[in-house]
Amino acid sequence: MPPFSRGANVFRVEQMKFLRTIAWLLRALLFVALLLFALKNTDPVTLRFYLDQTWQAPLVLVILFFFALGAALGVLACLTKLFAQRREILALKKELQGRPTAETPPVPPISGA
């Protein structure tokens, strides 16, 4: 092993630790910002549905509920495409296994040697 490669690995490890620390600090900052947003939006809101049905809840819970609902619908939409792709991959693998293996053509002899 060349002597300079060990130093490069140590530098890379230190760089990754630094980046992980920055990522955790950004996550903590985002969490605090969302927590303060939630604390500032605790006023009750009333949602009016059809047939005179109403639902009263804090604003932050209503926002969280509809965000989670949208995320779930997005994941559901992606899953249908994922399962279709998996079925296609399995069908292609079966088709590939069913084909006879191609033999390599014989190499012609070199003339004039």
Protein backbone atom coordinates (compact mmCIF):
# COMPACT_ATOMS: atom_id res chain seq x y z
CA MET A 1 0.00 0.00 0.00
CA PRO A 2 1.47 3.38 -0.93
CA PRO A 3 2.16 5.61 2.08
CA PHE A 4 0.06 8.50 0.77
CA SER A 5 -3.16 6.47 0.49
CA ARG A 6 -3.48 6.11 4.28
CA GLY A 7 -3.49 9.88 4.69
CA ALA A 8 -6.14 10.26 2.01
CA ASN A 9 -8.37 7.72 3.79
CA VAL A 10 -7.98 9.51 7.12
CA PHE A 11 -8.88 12.81 5.45
CA ARG A 12 -11.93 11.22 3.81
CA VAL A 13 -13.12 9.77 7.14
CA GLU A 14 -12.72 13.12 8.88
CA GLN A 15 -14.57 14.84 6.04
CA MET A 16 -17.47 12.36 6.32
CA LYS A 17 -17.69 12.94 10.10
CA PHE A 18 -17.85 16.67 9.49
CA LEU A 19 -20.59 16.27 6.86
CA ARG A 20 -22.62 14.02 9.18
CA THR A 21 -22.35 16.62 11.93
CA ILE A 22 -23.54 19.36 9.56
CA ALA A 23 -26.45 17.15 8.44
CA TRP A 24 -27.53 16.54 12.05
CA LEU A 25 -27.30 20.25 12.84
CA LEU A 26 -29.52 21.05 9.84
CA ARG A 27 -32.02 18.39 10.94
CA ALA A 28 -32.11 19.84 14.46
CA LEU A 29 -32.61 23.34 13.05
CA LEU A 30 -35.47 22.14 10.84
CA PHE A 31 -37.06 20.33 13.80
CA VAL A 32 -36.91 23.46 15.96
CA ALA A 33 -38.36 25.58 13.14
CA LEU A 34 -41.26 23.13 12.66
CA LEU A 35 -41.84 22.93 16.41
CA LEU A 36 -42.05 26.72 16.67
CA PHE A 37 -44.42 26.76 13.66
CA ALA A 38 -46.63 24.21 15.40
CA LEU A 39 -46.65 26.17 18.64
CA LYS A 40 -47.61 29.39 16.84
CA ASN A 41 -50.53 27.70 14.98
CA THR A 42 -52.54 26.07 17.75
CA ASP A 43 -55.70 28.09 17.06
CA PRO A 44 -58.73 25.91 16.36
CA VAL A 45 -60.08 25.83 12.83
CA THR A 46 -63.37 24.45 11.61
CA LEU A 47 -63.59 22.35 8.48
CA ARG A 48 -67.04 22.20 6.97
CA PHE A 49 -67.94 19.10 4.98
CA TYR A 50 -71.07 18.22 3.04
CA LEU A 51 -74.33 17.45 4.81
CA ASP A 52 -73.54 20.03 7.53
CA GLN A 53 -70.76 17.97 9.07
CA THR A 54 -67.97 19.92 10.74
CA TRP A 55 -64.60 19.03 12.20
CA GLN A 56 -62.82 21.31 14.62
CA ALA A 57 -59.11 20.80 15.35
CA PRO A 58 -55.93 22.83 15.86
CA LEU A 59 -54.56 24.25 12.62
CA VAL A 60 -51.25 22.41 12.91
CA LEU A 61 -53.05 19.04 13.18
CA VAL A 62 -55.14 19.81 10.10
CA ILE A 63 -51.98 20.75 8.15
CA LEU A 64 -50.18 17.61 9.38
CA PHE A 65 -53.15 15.38 8.51
CA PHE A 66 -53.44 16.66 4.94
CA PHE A 67 -49.66 16.54 4.44
CA ALA A 68 -49.61 12.90 5.57
CA LEU A 69 -52.60 12.13 3.34
CA GLY A 70 -50.85 13.66 0.32
CA ALA A 71 -47.63 11.77 1.07
CA ALA A 72 -49.54 8.50 1.37
CA LEU A 73 -51.32 9.08 -1.94
CA GLY A 74 -47.98 9.89 -3.59
CA VAL A 75 -46.42 6.67 -2.29
CA LEU A 76 -49.46 4.70 -3.45
CA ALA A 77 -49.13 6.18 -6.93
CA CYS A 78 -45.44 5.21 -7.04
CA LEU A 79 -46.14 1.67 -5.82
CA THR A 80 -48.35 0.85 -8.78
CA LYS A 81 -45.53 1.77 -11.19
CA LEU A 82 -43.01 -0.14 -9.06
CA PHE A 83 -45.06 -3.35 -9.12
CA ALA A 84 -45.61 -3.04 -12.87
CA GLN A 85 -41.85 -2.71 -13.39
CA ARG A 86 -41.17 -5.73 -11.17
CA ARG A 87 -43.60 -7.83 -13.18
CA GLU A 88 -41.93 -6.72 -16.41
CA ILE A 89 -38.46 -7.55 -15.03
CA LEU A 90 -39.61 -11.04 -13.98
CA ALA A 91 -41.15 -11.66 -17.40
CA LEU A 92 -37.94 -10.56 -19.14
CA LYS A 93 -35.84 -12.80 -16.88
CA LYS A 94 -38.05 -15.78 -17.68
CA GLU A 95 -37.80 -15.02 -21.38
CA LEU A 96 -34.04 -14.75 -21.13
CA GLN A 97 -33.76 -18.09 -19.30
CA GLY A 98 -35.96 -19.79 -21.90
CA ARG A 99 -33.69 -18.85 -24.80
CA PRO A 100 -30.99 -21.30 -25.85
CA THR A 101 -27.49 -20.14 -25.07
CA ALA A 102 -25.63 -18.87 -28.09
CA GLU A 103 -22.42 -20.69 -28.76
CA THR A 104 -19.40 -18.68 -29.76
CA PRO A 105 -18.57 -19.08 -33.45
CA PRO A 106 -15.36 -20.92 -34.24
CA VAL A 107 -12.30 -18.79 -34.87
CA PRO A 108 -11.00 -19.23 -38.45
CA PRO A 109 -7.36 -20.30 -38.73
CA ILE A 110 -4.77 -17.69 -39.56
CA SER A 111 -3.45 -18.27 -43.08
CA GLY A 112 0.07 -17.58 -44.19
CA ALA A 113 1.80 -18.33 -40.95
